[in-house]
């Protein structure tokens, strides 16, 4: 459904549309936030992308982050213009999520 939902104390605290990976599939399963960082470059084999908010949930390779290069999120975008496996969210939502989430928070991707 290309949607991220963050619950705090069993109440929905944040909801946003996302873009995930298709060709570079976003891993499915149960994870935990392993680290957070601000203002970093994500470096892959064929890209360097600056992000303001990075929330890693599977090693250093997969995380939730802002994607200021995108003008829209959600729907079927991931099928033709997906991420490299991360969960892309709008800048303002990333800013808010980053301030609320802590290392160790469960992350479920299905």
C-alpha atoms as a PDB file:
ATOM      1  CA  UNK A   1       0.000   0.000   0.000  1.00  0.00           C
ATOM      2  CA  UNK A   2       3.098   2.247  -0.021  1.00  0.00           C
ATOM      3  CA  UNK A   3       2.222   3.723   3.367  1.00  0.00           C
ATOM      4  CA  UNK A   4       4.256   4.171   6.536  1.00  0.00           C
ATOM      5  CA  UNK A   5       2.466   4.248   9.871  1.00  0.00           C
ATOM      6  CA  UNK A   6       4.228   5.057  13.144  1.00  0.00           C
ATOM      7  CA  UNK A   7       2.497   4.159  16.379  1.00  0.00           C
ATOM      8  CA  UNK A   8       3.417   5.582  19.782  1.00  0.00           C
ATOM      9  CA  UNK A   9       1.754   4.078  22.858  1.00  0.00           C
ATOM     10  CA  UNK A  10      -0.573   2.109  20.560  1.00  0.00           C
ATOM     11  CA  UNK A  11      -1.840   5.302  18.918  1.00  0.00           C
ATOM     12  CA  UNK A  12      -1.193   6.388  15.344  1.00  0.00           C
ATOM     13  CA  UNK A  13       1.321   9.254  15.635  1.00  0.00           C
ATOM     14  CA  UNK A  14       2.360   9.648  11.978  1.00  0.00           C
ATOM     15  CA  UNK A  15       1.154   8.397   8.619  1.00  0.00           C
ATOM     16  CA  UNK A  16       2.645   9.137   5.208  1.00  0.00           C
ATOM     17  CA  UNK A  17       2.857   7.851   1.666  1.00  0.00           C
ATOM     18  CA  UNK A  18       6.204   6.294   0.728  1.00  0.00           C
ATOM     19  CA  UNK A  19       8.206   5.011  -2.213  1.00  0.00           C
ATOM     20  CA  UNK A  20       9.953   1.667  -1.789  1.00  0.00           C
ATOM     21  CA  UNK A  21      12.124  -0.395  -4.099  1.00  0.00           C
ATOM     22  CA  UNK A  22      10.962  -2.755  -6.798  1.00  0.00           C
ATOM     23  CA  UNK A  23      14.010  -3.805  -8.817  1.00  0.00           C
ATOM     24  CA  UNK A  24      16.090  -3.297  -5.670  1.00  0.00           C
ATOM     25  CA  UNK A  25      13.447  -4.692  -3.385  1.00  0.00           C
ATOM     26  CA  UNK A  26      12.893  -3.291   0.057  1.00  0.00           C
ATOM     27  CA  UNK A  27      13.393  -6.186   2.473  1.00  0.00           C
ATOM     28  CA  UNK A  28      10.265  -7.580   4.089  1.00  0.00           C
ATOM     29  CA  UNK A  29      10.148  -8.765   7.655  1.00  0.00           C
ATOM     30  CA  UNK A  30      10.620  -7.644  11.235  1.00  0.00           C
ATOM     31  CA  UNK A  31      13.503  -5.311  12.031  1.00  0.00           C
ATOM     32  CA  UNK A  32      14.504  -2.679  14.569  1.00  0.00           C
ATOM     33  CA  UNK A  33      15.890   0.814  14.184  1.00  0.00           C
ATOM     34  CA  UNK A  34      19.650   0.274  14.498  1.00  0.00           C
ATOM     35  CA  UNK A  35      20.874   3.857  14.087  1.00  0.00           C
ATOM     36  CA  UNK A  36      19.922   7.396  13.173  1.00  0.00           C
ATOM     37  CA  UNK A  37      21.939  10.110  11.437  1.00  0.00           C
ATOM     38  CA  UNK A  38      21.519  13.643  10.098  1.00  0.00           C
ATOM     39  CA  UNK A  39      22.819  15.211   6.903  1.00  0.00           C
ATOM     40  CA  UNK A  40      24.613  12.275   5.299  1.00  0.00           C
ATOM     41  CA  UNK A  41      25.384  10.942   1.840  1.00  0.00           C
ATOM     42  CA  UNK A  42      23.974   7.551   0.955  1.00  0.00           C
ATOM     43  CA  UNK A  43      26.428   5.885  -1.393  1.00  0.00           C
ATOM     44  CA  UNK A  44      25.621   2.984  -3.709  1.00  0.00           C
ATOM     45  CA  UNK A  45      27.251   1.444  -6.748  1.00  0.00           C
ATOM     46  CA  UNK A  46      25.649   3.938  -9.114  1.00  0.00           C
ATOM     47  CA  UNK A  47      24.497   6.845  -6.944  1.00  0.00           C
ATOM     48  CA  UNK A  48      25.271   9.308  -4.180  1.00  0.00           C
ATOM     49  CA  UNK A  49      22.216  10.813  -2.504  1.00  0.00           C
ATOM     50  CA  UNK A  50      22.274  13.442   0.230  1.00  0.00           C
ATOM     51  CA  UNK A  51      19.587  13.018   2.885  1.00  0.00           C
ATOM     52  CA  UNK A  52      18.739  15.118   5.906  1.00  0.00           C
ATOM     53  CA  UNK A  53      17.199  12.331   8.005  1.00  0.00           C
ATOM     54  CA  UNK A  54      18.412   8.709   8.001  1.00  0.00           C
ATOM     55  CA  UNK A  55      16.792   5.983  10.123  1.00  0.00           C
ATOM     56  CA  UNK A  56      18.538   2.644   9.510  1.00  0.00           C
ATOM     57  CA  UNK A  57      16.581  -0.548  10.126  1.00  0.00           C
ATOM     58  CA  UNK A  58      18.764  -3.215   8.478  1.00  0.00           C
ATOM     59  CA  UNK A  59      22.481  -2.677   8.872  1.00  0.00           C
ATOM     60  CA  UNK A  60      23.730   0.393   7.047  1.00  0.00           C
ATOM     61  CA  UNK A  61      22.151  -0.564   3.743  1.00  0.00           C
ATOM     62  CA  UNK A  62      18.425  -0.090   4.387  1.00  0.00           C
ATOM     63  CA  UNK A  63      16.610   2.727   6.071  1.00  0.00           C
ATOM     64  CA  UNK A  64      13.811   5.242   6.093  1.00  0.00           C
ATOM     65  CA  UNK A  65      14.832   8.666   4.817  1.00  0.00           C
ATOM     66  CA  UNK A  66      13.701  11.879   3.192  1.00  0.00           C
ATOM     67  CA  UNK A  67      13.905  12.055  -0.596  1.00  0.00           C
ATOM     68  CA  UNK A  68      13.917  15.722  -1.543  1.00  0.00           C
ATOM     69  CA  UNK A  69      14.445  14.781  -5.218  1.00  0.00           C
ATOM     70  CA  UNK A  70      10.917  13.345  -5.350  1.00  0.00           C
ATOM     71  CA  UNK A  71       7.848  15.500  -5.918  1.00  0.00           C
ATOM     72  CA  UNK A  72       5.323  12.791  -5.035  1.00  0.00           C
ATOM     73  CA  UNK A  73       5.070   9.604  -2.983  1.00  0.00           C
ATOM     74  CA  UNK A  74       2.785   6.591  -2.776  1.00  0.00           C
ATOM     75  CA  UNK A  75       0.637   4.845  -5.333  1.00  0.00           C
ATOM     76  CA  UNK A  76       2.405   2.950  -8.084  1.00  0.00           C
ATOM     77  CA  UNK A  77       5.560   5.129  -8.236  1.00  0.00           C
ATOM     78  CA  UNK A  78       7.741   2.304  -6.916  1.00  0.00           C
ATOM     79  CA  UNK A  79       6.986   0.194 -10.005  1.00  0.00           C
ATOM     80  CA  UNK A  80       8.753   2.532 -12.455  1.00  0.00           C
ATOM     81  CA  UNK A  81      10.754   4.861 -10.230  1.00  0.00           C
ATOM     82  CA  UNK A  82      11.388   2.922  -7.040  1.00  0.00           C
ATOM     83  CA  UNK A  83      14.087   3.443  -4.460  1.00  0.00           C
ATOM     84  CA  UNK A  84      17.316   1.453  -4.221  1.00  0.00           C
ATOM     85  CA  UNK A  85      15.614  -0.552  -1.453  1.00  0.00           C
ATOM     86  CA  UNK A  86      15.093   2.128   1.175  1.00  0.00           C
ATOM     87  CA  UNK A  87      11.798   3.633   2.268  1.00  0.00           C
ATOM     88  CA  UNK A  88      11.577   7.175   0.852  1.00  0.00           C
ATOM     89  CA  UNK A  89       9.302   9.626   2.656  1.00  0.00           C
ATOM     90  CA  UNK A  90       8.606  13.369   2.283  1.00  0.00           C
ATOM     91  CA  UNK A  91      11.045  15.741   4.009  1.00  0.00           C
ATOM     92  CA  UNK A  92       8.584  17.134   6.592  1.00  0.00           C
ATOM     93  CA  UNK A  93       7.422  13.636   7.539  1.00  0.00           C
ATOM     94  CA  UNK A  94      11.041  12.458   7.848  1.00  0.00           C
ATOM     95  CA  UNK A  95      11.815  15.416  10.086  1.00  0.00           C
ATOM     96  CA  UNK A  96       8.876  14.591  12.347  1.00  0.00           C
ATOM     97  CA  UNK A  97       9.518  10.834  12.408  1.00  0.00           C
ATOM     98  CA  UNK A  98      13.210  11.362  13.177  1.00  0.00           C
ATOM     99  CA  UNK A  99      12.320  13.457  16.233  1.00  0.00           C
ATOM    100  CA  UNK A 100       9.921  10.802  17.570  1.00  0.00           C
ATOM    101  CA  UNK A 101      11.584   7.465  16.799  1.00  0.00           C
ATOM    102  CA  UNK A 102      14.350   5.887  18.871  1.00  0.00           C
ATOM    103  CA  UNK A 103      16.984   3.232  18.282  1.00  0.00           C
ATOM    104  CA  UNK A 104      15.424  -0.143  19.039  1.00  0.00           C
ATOM    105  CA  UNK A 105      11.952   0.769  17.758  1.00  0.00           C
ATOM    106  CA  UNK A 106      10.427  -2.178  15.869  1.00  0.00           C
ATOM    107  CA  UNK A 107      10.025  -1.819  12.094  1.00  0.00           C
ATOM    108  CA  UNK A 108       7.658  -4.127  10.244  1.00  0.00           C
ATOM    109  CA  UNK A 109       7.681  -4.199   6.458  1.00  0.00           C
ATOM    110  CA  UNK A 110       5.101  -6.255   4.618  1.00  0.00           C
END
